[in-house]
């Protein structure tokens, strides 16, 4: 016979644990936007091949921006701003 009086009862909480809010960084927000764009075409940045193609396209864009800067098509401030935006875009596959 097992004496239940010697065992403590564990009560499970009926309150669900709060779901953490997603980060609200610009990089995360742009990652969600890019992911939604890909999902609208039946693709996902979670797919390794799609993520690799996305990164290759971004590398080509960086070359374009760097070339525009090198030939004075865009000034230093414009180049820095664009590079910062592209850096946020480059994080998208890792954030979704």
PDB file of N, CA and C in Angstrom:
ATOM      1  N   UNK A   1       0.835  -1.165   0.000  1.00  0.00           N
ATOM      2  CA  UNK A   1       0.000   0.000   0.000  1.00  0.00           C
ATOM      3  C   UNK A   1       0.893   1.246   0.000  1.00  0.00           C
ATOM      4  N   UNK A   2       0.530   2.204  -0.802  1.00  0.00           N
ATOM      5  CA  UNK A   2       1.261   3.463  -0.871  1.00  0.00           C
ATOM      6  C   UNK A   2       0.474   4.503  -0.093  1.00  0.00           C
ATOM      7  N   UNK A   3       1.138   5.132   0.832  1.00  0.00           N
ATOM      8  CA  UNK A   3       0.475   6.173   1.612  1.00  0.00           C
ATOM      9  C   UNK A   3       0.629   7.506   0.901  1.00  0.00           C
ATOM     10  N   UNK A   4      -0.457   8.026   0.412  1.00  0.00           N
ATOM     11  CA  UNK A   4      -0.440   9.278  -0.344  1.00  0.00           C
ATOM     12  C   UNK A   4      -0.183  10.485   0.542  1.00  0.00           C
ATOM     13  N   UNK A   5      -0.378  10.345   1.805  1.00  0.00           N
ATOM     14  CA  UNK A   5      -0.165  11.476   2.694  1.00  0.00           C
ATOM     15  C   UNK A   5       1.302  11.882   2.742  1.00  0.00           C
ATOM     16  N   UNK A   6       2.195  10.982   2.408  1.00  0.00           N
ATOM     17  CA  UNK A   6       3.615  11.271   2.451  1.00  0.00           C
ATOM     18  C   UNK A   6       4.145  11.887   1.163  1.00  0.00           C
ATOM     19  N   UNK A   7       3.328  11.925   0.161  1.00  0.00           N
ATOM     20  CA  UNK A   7       3.739  12.474  -1.132  1.00  0.00           C
ATOM     21  C   UNK A   7       3.090  13.838  -1.334  1.00  0.00           C
ATOM     22  N   UNK A   8       3.904  14.775  -1.699  1.00  0.00           N
ATOM     23  CA  UNK A   8       3.331  16.095  -1.961  1.00  0.00           C
ATOM     24  C   UNK A   8       2.688  16.087  -3.344  1.00  0.00           C
ATOM     25  N   UNK A   9       1.646  16.809  -3.453  1.00  0.00           N
ATOM     26  CA  UNK A   9       0.975  16.921  -4.745  1.00  0.00           C
ATOM     27  C   UNK A   9       1.566  18.071  -5.517  1.00  0.00           C
ATOM     28  N   UNK A  10       1.800  17.796  -6.732  1.00  0.00           N
ATOM     29  CA  UNK A  10       2.286  18.863  -7.611  1.00  0.00           C
ATOM     30  C   UNK A  10       1.116  19.385  -8.409  1.00  0.00           C
ATOM     31  N   UNK A  11       0.959  20.641  -8.356  1.00  0.00           N
ATOM     32  CA  UNK A  11      -0.110  21.256  -9.130  1.00  0.00           C
ATOM     33  C   UNK A  11       0.498  21.907 -10.353  1.00  0.00           C
ATOM     34  N   UNK A  12      -0.086  21.623 -11.449  1.00  0.00           N
ATOM     35  CA  UNK A  12       0.358  22.268 -12.677  1.00  0.00           C
ATOM     36  C   UNK A  12      -0.346  23.602 -12.813  1.00  0.00           C
ATOM     37  N   UNK A  13       0.424  24.543 -13.174  1.00  0.00           N
ATOM     38  CA  UNK A  13      -0.149  25.871 -13.376  1.00  0.00           C
ATOM     39  C   UNK A  13      -1.020  25.859 -14.620  1.00  0.00           C
ATOM     40  N   UNK A  14      -2.160  26.459 -14.503  1.00  0.00           N
ATOM     41  CA  UNK A  14      -3.049  26.552 -15.660  1.00  0.00           C
ATOM     42  C   UNK A  14      -2.758  27.791 -16.497  1.00  0.00           C
ATOM     43  N   UNK A  15      -1.863  28.604 -16.005  1.00  0.00           N
ATOM     44  CA  UNK A  15      -1.506  29.820 -16.721  1.00  0.00           C
ATOM     45  C   UNK A  15      -0.358  29.488 -17.666  1.00  0.00           C
ATOM     46  N   UNK A  16      -0.562  29.767 -18.922  1.00  0.00           N
ATOM     47  CA  UNK A  16       0.485  29.504 -19.904  1.00  0.00           C
ATOM     48  C   UNK A  16       1.642  30.465 -19.707  1.00  0.00           C
ATOM     49  N   UNK A  17       2.820  29.957 -19.983  1.00  0.00           N
ATOM     50  CA  UNK A  17       3.997  30.820 -19.893  1.00  0.00           C
ATOM     51  C   UNK A  17       3.905  31.882 -20.973  1.00  0.00           C
ATOM     52  N   UNK A  18       4.284  33.105 -20.665  1.00  0.00           N
ATOM     53  CA  UNK A  18       4.203  34.151 -21.682  1.00  0.00           C
ATOM     54  C   UNK A  18       5.162  33.867 -22.833  1.00  0.00           C
ATOM     55  N   UNK A  19       4.691  34.145 -24.017  1.00  0.00           N
ATOM     56  CA  UNK A  19       5.524  33.982 -25.206  1.00  0.00           C
ATOM     57  C   UNK A  19       6.403  35.215 -25.323  1.00  0.00           C
ATOM     58  N   UNK A  20       7.726  35.011 -25.428  1.00  0.00           N
ATOM     59  CA  UNK A  20       8.588  36.189 -25.530  1.00  0.00           C
ATOM     60  C   UNK A  20       8.311  36.965 -26.811  1.00  0.00           C
ATOM     61  N   UNK A  21       8.387  38.252 -26.700  1.00  0.00           N
ATOM     62  CA  UNK A  21       8.175  39.085 -27.873  1.00  0.00           C
ATOM     63  C   UNK A  21       9.395  39.009 -28.770  1.00  0.00           C
ATOM     64  N   UNK A  22       9.165  39.003 -30.088  1.00  0.00           N
ATOM     65  CA  UNK A  22      10.316  38.964 -30.991  1.00  0.00           C
ATOM     66  C   UNK A  22      11.120  40.254 -30.877  1.00  0.00           C
ATOM     67  N   UNK A  23      12.388  40.174 -31.191  1.00  0.00           N
ATOM     68  CA  UNK A  23      13.202  41.390 -31.142  1.00  0.00           C
ATOM     69  C   UNK A  23      12.629  42.449 -32.078  1.00  0.00           C
ATOM     70  N   UNK A  24      12.772  43.668 -31.709  1.00  0.00           N
ATOM     71  CA  UNK A  24      12.250  44.736 -32.567  1.00  0.00           C
ATOM     72  C   UNK A  24      13.383  45.521 -33.207  1.00  0.00           C
ATOM     73  N   UNK A  25      14.484  44.846 -33.474  1.00  0.00           N
ATOM     74  CA  UNK A  25      15.605  45.517 -34.115  1.00  0.00           C
ATOM     75  C   UNK A  25      15.294  45.736 -35.588  1.00  0.00           C
ATOM     76  N   UNK A  26      15.898  46.726 -36.195  1.00  0.00           N
ATOM     77  CA  UNK A  26      15.686  46.926 -37.632  1.00  0.00           C
ATOM     78  C   UNK A  26      16.054  45.679 -38.448  1.00  0.00           C
ATOM     79  N   UNK A  27      17.116  44.992 -38.067  1.00  0.00           N
ATOM     80  CA  UNK A  27      17.525  43.792 -38.800  1.00  0.00           C
ATOM     81  C   UNK A  27      16.454  42.708 -38.724  1.00  0.00           C
ATOM     82  N   UNK A  28      15.842  42.540 -37.560  1.00  0.00           N
ATOM     83  CA  UNK A  28      14.795  41.527 -37.414  1.00  0.00           C
ATOM     84  C   UNK A  28      13.561  41.917 -38.209  1.00  0.00           C
ATOM     85  N   UNK A  29      13.201  43.180 -38.152  1.00  0.00           N
ATOM     86  CA  UNK A  29      12.018  43.629 -38.884  1.00  0.00           C
ATOM     87  C   UNK A  29      12.195  43.461 -40.393  1.00  0.00           C
ATOM     88  N   UNK A  30      13.371  43.799 -40.900  1.00  0.00           N
ATOM     89  CA  UNK A  30      13.610  43.634 -42.333  1.00  0.00           C
ATOM     90  C   UNK A  30      13.680  42.148 -42.677  1.00  0.00           C
ATOM     91  N   UNK A  31      14.176  41.313 -41.761  1.00  0.00           N
ATOM     92  CA  UNK A  31      14.213  39.869 -41.998  1.00  0.00           C
ATOM     93  C   UNK A  31      12.804  39.315 -42.157  1.00  0.00           C
ATOM     94  N   UNK A  32      11.893  39.763 -41.319  1.00  0.00           N
ATOM     95  CA  UNK A  32      10.498  39.328 -41.440  1.00  0.00           C
ATOM     96  C   UNK A  32       9.902  39.764 -42.777  1.00  0.00           C
ATOM     97  N   UNK A  33      10.216  40.975 -43.197  1.00  0.00           N
ATOM     98  CA  UNK A  33       9.707  41.479 -44.471  1.00  0.00           C
ATOM     99  C   UNK A  33      10.247  40.663 -45.636  1.00  0.00           C
ATOM    100  N   UNK A  34      11.551  40.420 -45.627  1.00  0.00           N
ATOM    101  CA  UNK A  34      12.170  39.642 -46.712  1.00  0.00           C
ATOM    102  C   UNK A  34      11.614  38.224 -46.714  1.00  0.00           C
ATOM    103  N   UNK A  35      11.488  37.620 -45.545  1.00  0.00           N
ATOM    104  CA  UNK A  35      10.933  36.264 -45.470  1.00  0.00           C
ATOM    105  C   UNK A  35       9.522  36.234 -46.042  1.00  0.00           C
ATOM    106  N   UNK A  36       8.714  37.223 -45.719  1.00  0.00           N
ATOM    107  CA  UNK A  36       7.352  37.289 -46.251  1.00  0.00           C
ATOM    108  C   UNK A  36       7.366  37.418 -47.779  1.00  0.00           C
ATOM    109  N   UNK A  37       8.305  38.178 -48.303  1.00  0.00           N
ATOM    110  CA  UNK A  37       8.422  38.314 -49.754  1.00  0.00           C
ATOM    111  C   UNK A  37       8.756  36.968 -50.394  1.00  0.00           C
ATOM    112  N   UNK A  38       9.674  36.241 -49.789  1.00  0.00           N
ATOM    113  CA  UNK A  38      10.040  34.924 -50.318  1.00  0.00           C
ATOM    114  C   UNK A  38       8.885  33.942 -50.178  1.00  0.00           C
ATOM    115  N   UNK A  39       8.208  33.973 -49.044  1.00  0.00           N
ATOM    116  CA  UNK A  39       7.092  33.056 -48.840  1.00  0.00           C
ATOM    117  C   UNK A  39       5.959  33.315 -49.827  1.00  0.00           C
ATOM    118  N   UNK A  40       5.805  34.558 -50.243  1.00  0.00           N
ATOM    119  CA  UNK A  40       4.772  34.884 -51.233  1.00  0.00           C
ATOM    120  C   UNK A  40       5.038  34.211 -52.577  1.00  0.00           C
ATOM    121  N   UNK A  41       6.285  33.799 -52.800  1.00  0.00           N
ATOM    122  CA  UNK A  41       6.629  33.110 -54.043  1.00  0.00           C
ATOM    123  C   UNK A  41       6.854  31.614 -53.812  1.00  0.00           C
ATOM    124  N   UNK A  42       6.455  31.114 -52.628  1.00  0.00           N
ATOM    125  CA  UNK A  42       6.599  29.703 -52.324  1.00  0.00           C
ATOM    126  C   UNK A  42       7.993  29.299 -51.887  1.00  0.00           C
ATOM    127  N   UNK A  43       8.794  30.261 -51.498  1.00  0.00           N
ATOM    128  CA  UNK A  43      10.161  29.989 -51.054  1.00  0.00           C
ATOM    129  C   UNK A  43      10.313  30.403 -49.598  1.00  0.00           C
ATOM    130  N   UNK A  44      11.471  30.089 -49.016  1.00  0.00           N
ATOM    131  CA  UNK A  44      11.736  30.472 -47.631  1.00  0.00           C
ATOM    132  C   UNK A  44      13.233  30.639 -47.420  1.00  0.00           C
ATOM    133  N   UNK A  45      13.582  31.613 -46.634  1.00  0.00           N
ATOM    134  CA  UNK A  45      14.988  31.794 -46.264  1.00  0.00           C
ATOM    135  C   UNK A  45      15.475  30.696 -45.327  1.00  0.00           C
ATOM    136  N   UNK A  46      14.566  29.874 -44.824  1.00  0.00           N
ATOM    137  CA  UNK A  46      14.953  28.734 -44.000  1.00  0.00           C
ATOM    138  C   UNK A  46      15.508  27.596 -44.847  1.00  0.00           C
ATOM    139  N   UNK A  47      15.243  27.627 -46.138  1.00  0.00           N
ATOM    140  CA  UNK A  47      15.787  26.627 -47.051  1.00  0.00           C
ATOM    141  C   UNK A  47      17.243  26.995 -47.352  1.00  0.00           C
ATOM    142  N   UNK A  48      18.192  26.082 -47.109  1.00  0.00           N
ATOM    143  CA  UNK A  48      19.602  26.412 -47.308  1.00  0.00           C
ATOM    144  C   UNK A  48      19.944  26.893 -48.717  1.00  0.00           C
ATOM    145  N   UNK A  49      19.347  26.302 -49.723  1.00  0.00           N
ATOM    146  CA  UNK A  49      19.643  26.724 -51.099  1.00  0.00           C
ATOM    147  C   UNK A  49      19.114  28.136 -51.366  1.00  0.00           C
ATOM    148  N   UNK A  50      17.940  28.433 -50.858  1.00  0.00           N
ATOM    149  CA  UNK A  50      17.376  29.773 -51.032  1.00  0.00           C
ATOM    150  C   UNK A  50      18.211  30.794 -50.274  1.00  0.00           C
ATOM    151  N   UNK A  51      18.613  30.466 -49.050  1.00  0.00           N
ATOM    152  CA  UNK A  51      19.449  31.369 -48.251  1.00  0.00           C
ATOM    153  C   UNK A  51      20.777  31.626 -48.954  1.00  0.00           C
ATOM    154  N   UNK A  52      21.352  30.595 -49.561  1.00  0.00           N
ATOM    155  CA  UNK A  52      22.634  30.756 -50.269  1.00  0.00           C
ATOM    156  C   UNK A  52      22.458  31.668 -51.483  1.00  0.00           C
ATOM    157  N   UNK A  53      21.387  31.483 -52.225  1.00  0.00           N
ATOM    158  CA  UNK A  53      21.131  32.341 -53.392  1.00  0.00           C
ATOM    159  C   UNK A  53      20.882  33.781 -52.950  1.00  0.00           C
ATOM    160  N   UNK A  54      20.167  33.946 -51.854  1.00  0.00           N
ATOM    161  CA  UNK A  54      19.909  35.280 -51.300  1.00  0.00           C
ATOM    162  C   UNK A  54      21.222  35.970 -50.937  1.00  0.00           C
ATOM    163  N   UNK A  55      22.111  35.237 -50.264  1.00  0.00           N
ATOM    164  CA  UNK A  55      23.402  35.816 -49.872  1.00  0.00           C
ATOM    165  C   UNK A  55      24.245  36.183 -51.094  1.00  0.00           C
ATOM    166  N   UNK A  56      24.193  35.372 -52.135  1.00  0.00           N
ATOM    167  CA  UNK A  56      24.938  35.669 -53.354  1.00  0.00           C
ATOM    168  C   UNK A  56      24.405  36.948 -54.007  1.00  0.00           C
ATOM    169  N   UNK A  57      23.092  37.095 -54.043  1.00  0.00           N
ATOM    170  CA  UNK A  57      22.500  38.312 -54.605  1.00  0.00           C
ATOM    171  C   UNK A  57      22.901  39.540 -53.790  1.00  0.00           C
ATOM    172  N   UNK A  58      22.958  39.399 -52.477  1.00  0.00           N
ATOM    173  CA  UNK A  58      23.386  40.522 -51.639  1.00  0.00           C
ATOM    174  C   UNK A  58      24.848  40.867 -51.875  1.00  0.00           C
ATOM    175  N   UNK A  59      25.688  39.847 -52.062  1.00  0.00           N
ATOM    176  CA  UNK A  59      27.099  40.112 -52.352  1.00  0.00           C
ATOM    177  C   UNK A  59      27.245  40.895 -53.652  1.00  0.00           C
ATOM    178  N   UNK A  60      26.435  40.566 -54.644  1.00  0.00           N
ATOM    179  CA  UNK A  60      26.460  41.309 -55.907  1.00  0.00           C
ATOM    180  C   UNK A  60      26.008  42.753 -55.684  1.00  0.00           C
ATOM    181  N   UNK A  61      25.025  42.937 -54.819  1.00  0.00           N
ATOM    182  CA  UNK A  61      24.540  44.288 -54.513  1.00  0.00           C
ATOM    183  C   UNK A  61      25.625  45.091 -53.795  1.00  0.00           C
ATOM    184  N   UNK A  62      26.349  44.456 -52.892  1.00  0.00           N
ATOM    185  CA  UNK A  62      27.453  45.134 -52.195  1.00  0.00           C
ATOM    186  C   UNK A  62      28.513  45.569 -53.201  1.00  0.00           C
ATOM    187  N   UNK A  63      28.830  44.704 -54.154  1.00  0.00           N
ATOM    188  CA  UNK A  63      29.795  45.084 -55.202  1.00  0.00           C
ATOM    189  C   UNK A  63      29.309  46.298 -55.979  1.00  0.00           C
ATOM    190  N   UNK A  64      28.034  46.327 -56.291  1.00  0.00           N
ATOM    191  CA  UNK A  64      27.452  47.455 -57.008  1.00  0.00           C
ATOM    192  C   UNK A  64      27.580  48.748 -56.203  1.00  0.00           C
ATOM    193  N   UNK A  65      27.236  48.681 -54.936  1.00  0.00           N
ATOM    194  CA  UNK A  65      27.305  49.852 -54.052  1.00  0.00           C
ATOM    195  C   UNK A  65      28.754  50.309 -53.883  1.00  0.00           C
ATOM    196  N   UNK A  66      29.656  49.353 -53.684  1.00  0.00           N
ATOM    197  CA  UNK A  66      31.073  49.701 -53.536  1.00  0.00           C
ATOM    198  C   UNK A  66      31.616  50.337 -54.816  1.00  0.00           C
ATOM    199  N   UNK A  67      31.194  49.834 -55.966  1.00  0.00           N
ATOM    200  CA  UNK A  67      31.619  50.423 -57.239  1.00  0.00           C
ATOM    201  C   UNK A  67      31.081  51.831 -57.417  1.00  0.00           C
ATOM    202  N   UNK A  68      29.835  52.033 -57.021  1.00  0.00           N
ATOM    203  CA  UNK A  68      29.246  53.375 -57.107  1.00  0.00           C
ATOM    204  C   UNK A  68      29.997  54.355 -56.212  1.00  0.00           C
ATOM    205  N   UNK A  69      30.432  53.894 -55.069  1.00  0.00           N
ATOM    206  CA  UNK A  69      31.200  54.736 -54.155  1.00  0.00           C
ATOM    207  C   UNK A  69      32.582  55.031 -54.733  1.00  0.00           C
ATOM    208  N   UNK A  70      33.216  54.002 -55.284  1.00  0.00           N
ATOM    209  CA  UNK A  70      34.569  54.156 -55.820  1.00  0.00           C
ATOM    210  C   UNK A  70      34.617  55.108 -57.010  1.00  0.00           C
ATOM    211  N   UNK A  71      33.511  55.207 -57.727  1.00  0.00           N
ATOM    212  CA  UNK A  71      33.462  56.085 -58.903  1.00  0.00           C
ATOM    213  C   UNK A  71      32.712  57.389 -58.629  1.00  0.00           C
ATOM    214  N   UNK A  72      32.531  57.684 -57.353  1.00  0.00           N
ATOM    215  CA  UNK A  72      31.889  58.926 -56.903  1.00  0.00           C
ATOM    216  C   UNK A  72      30.448  59.095 -57.375  1.00  0.00           C
ATOM    217  N   UNK A  73      29.775  57.995 -57.644  1.00  0.00           N
ATOM    218  CA  UNK A  73      28.347  58.067 -57.964  1.00  0.00           C
ATOM    219  C   UNK A  73      27.552  58.356 -56.695  1.00  0.00           C
ATOM    220  N   UNK A  74      28.014  57.781 -55.591  1.00  0.00           N
ATOM    221  CA  UNK A  74      27.427  58.094 -54.283  1.00  0.00           C
ATOM    222  C   UNK A  74      28.546  58.562 -53.354  1.00  0.00           C
ATOM    223  N   UNK A  75      28.177  59.473 -52.452  1.00  0.00           N
ATOM    224  CA  UNK A  75      29.194  60.007 -51.543  1.00  0.00           C
ATOM    225  C   UNK A  75      29.400  59.064 -50.352  1.00  0.00           C
ATOM    226  N   UNK A  76      30.325  59.433 -49.496  1.00  0.00           N
ATOM    227  CA  UNK A  76      30.698  58.606 -48.345  1.00  0.00           C
ATOM    228  C   UNK A  76      29.504  58.319 -47.440  1.00  0.00           C
ATOM    229  N   UNK A  77      28.720  59.349 -47.158  1.00  0.00           N
ATOM    230  CA  UNK A  77      27.571  59.170 -46.265  1.00  0.00           C
ATOM    231  C   UNK A  77      26.548  58.229 -46.885  1.00  0.00           C
ATOM    232  N   UNK A  78      26.266  58.422 -48.157  1.00  0.00           N
ATOM    233  CA  UNK A  78      25.322  57.540 -48.840  1.00  0.00           C
ATOM    234  C   UNK A  78      25.810  56.104 -48.848  1.00  0.00           C
ATOM    235  N   UNK A  79      27.101  55.930 -49.110  1.00  0.00           N
ATOM    236  CA  UNK A  79      27.696  54.597 -49.131  1.00  0.00           C
ATOM    237  C   UNK A  79      27.598  53.940 -47.757  1.00  0.00           C
ATOM    238  N   UNK A  80      27.928  54.681 -46.707  1.00  0.00           N
ATOM    239  CA  UNK A  80      27.855  54.135 -45.355  1.00  0.00           C
ATOM    240  C   UNK A  80      26.426  53.733 -44.995  1.00  0.00           C
ATOM    241  N   UNK A  81      25.471  54.588 -45.357  1.00  0.00           N
ATOM    242  CA  UNK A  81      24.066  54.279 -45.068  1.00  0.00           C
ATOM    243  C   UNK A  81      23.602  53.036 -45.810  1.00  0.00           C
ATOM    244  N   UNK A  82      23.949  52.946 -47.085  1.00  0.00           N
ATOM    245  CA  UNK A  82      23.555  51.778 -47.869  1.00  0.00           C
ATOM    246  C   UNK A  82      24.222  50.507 -47.360  1.00  0.00           C
ATOM    247  N   UNK A  83      25.489  50.583 -47.002  1.00  0.00           N
ATOM    248  CA  UNK A  83      26.186  49.405 -46.472  1.00  0.00           C
ATOM    249  C   UNK A  83      25.554  48.940 -45.157  1.00  0.00           C
ATOM    250  N   UNK A  84      25.142  49.895 -44.315  1.00  0.00           N
ATOM    251  CA  UNK A  84      24.487  49.526 -43.054  1.00  0.00           C
ATOM    252  C   UNK A  84      23.157  48.815 -43.324  1.00  0.00           C
ATOM    253  N   UNK A  85      22.408  49.312 -44.295  1.00  0.00           N
ATOM    254  CA  UNK A  85      21.145  48.667 -44.644  1.00  0.00           C
ATOM    255  C   UNK A  85      21.384  47.264 -45.204  1.00  0.00           C
ATOM    256  N   UNK A  86      22.402  47.130 -46.030  1.00  0.00           N
ATOM    257  CA  UNK A  86      22.724  45.818 -46.595  1.00  0.00           C
ATOM    258  C   UNK A  86      23.211  44.850 -45.516  1.00  0.00           C
ATOM    259  N   UNK A  87      23.892  45.374 -44.511  1.00  0.00           N
ATOM    260  CA  UNK A  87      24.329  44.528 -43.390  1.00  0.00           C
ATOM    261  C   UNK A  87      23.118  43.969 -42.647  1.00  0.00           C
ATOM    262  N   UNK A  88      22.088  44.791 -42.470  1.00  0.00           N
ATOM    263  CA  UNK A  88      20.850  44.307 -41.855  1.00  0.00           C
ATOM    264  C   UNK A  88      20.208  43.239 -42.738  1.00  0.00           C
ATOM    265  N   UNK A  89      20.161  43.490 -44.034  1.00  0.00           N
ATOM    266  CA  UNK A  89      19.581  42.515 -44.960  1.00  0.00           C
ATOM    267  C   UNK A  89      20.352  41.203 -44.931  1.00  0.00           C
ATOM    268  N   UNK A  90      21.652  41.265 -44.800  1.00  0.00           N
ATOM    269  CA  UNK A  90      22.478  40.055 -44.824  1.00  0.00           C
ATOM    270  C   UNK A  90      22.173  39.127 -43.652  1.00  0.00           C
ATOM    271  N   UNK A  91      21.630  39.652 -42.561  1.00  0.00           N
ATOM    272  CA  UNK A  91      21.324  38.839 -41.393  1.00  0.00           C
ATOM    273  C   UNK A  91      20.020  38.068 -41.522  1.00  0.00           C
ATOM    274  N   UNK A  92      19.207  38.408 -42.508  1.00  0.00           N
ATOM    275  CA  UNK A  92      17.850  37.855 -42.609  1.00  0.00           C
ATOM    276  C   UNK A  92      17.783  36.337 -42.509  1.00  0.00           C
ATOM    277  N   UNK A  93      18.572  35.568 -43.259  1.00  0.00           N
ATOM    278  CA  UNK A  93      18.434  34.110 -43.148  1.00  0.00           C
ATOM    279  C   UNK A  93      18.723  33.577 -41.740  1.00  0.00           C
ATOM    280  N   UNK A  94      19.537  34.255 -40.988  1.00  0.00           N
ATOM    281  CA  UNK A  94      19.870  33.805 -39.632  1.00  0.00           C
ATOM    282  C   UNK A  94      18.838  34.233 -38.597  1.00  0.00           C
ATOM    283  N   UNK A  95      17.972  35.162 -38.947  1.00  0.00           N
ATOM    284  CA  UNK A  95      17.030  35.717 -37.976  1.00  0.00           C
ATOM    285  C   UNK A  95      15.625  35.156 -38.102  1.00  0.00           C
ATOM    286  N   UNK A  96      15.340  34.477 -39.204  1.00  0.00           N
ATOM    287  CA  UNK A  96      13.976  33.941 -39.372  1.00  0.00           C
ATOM    288  C   UNK A  96      13.930  32.442 -39.139  1.00  0.00           C
TER     289      UNK A  96
END
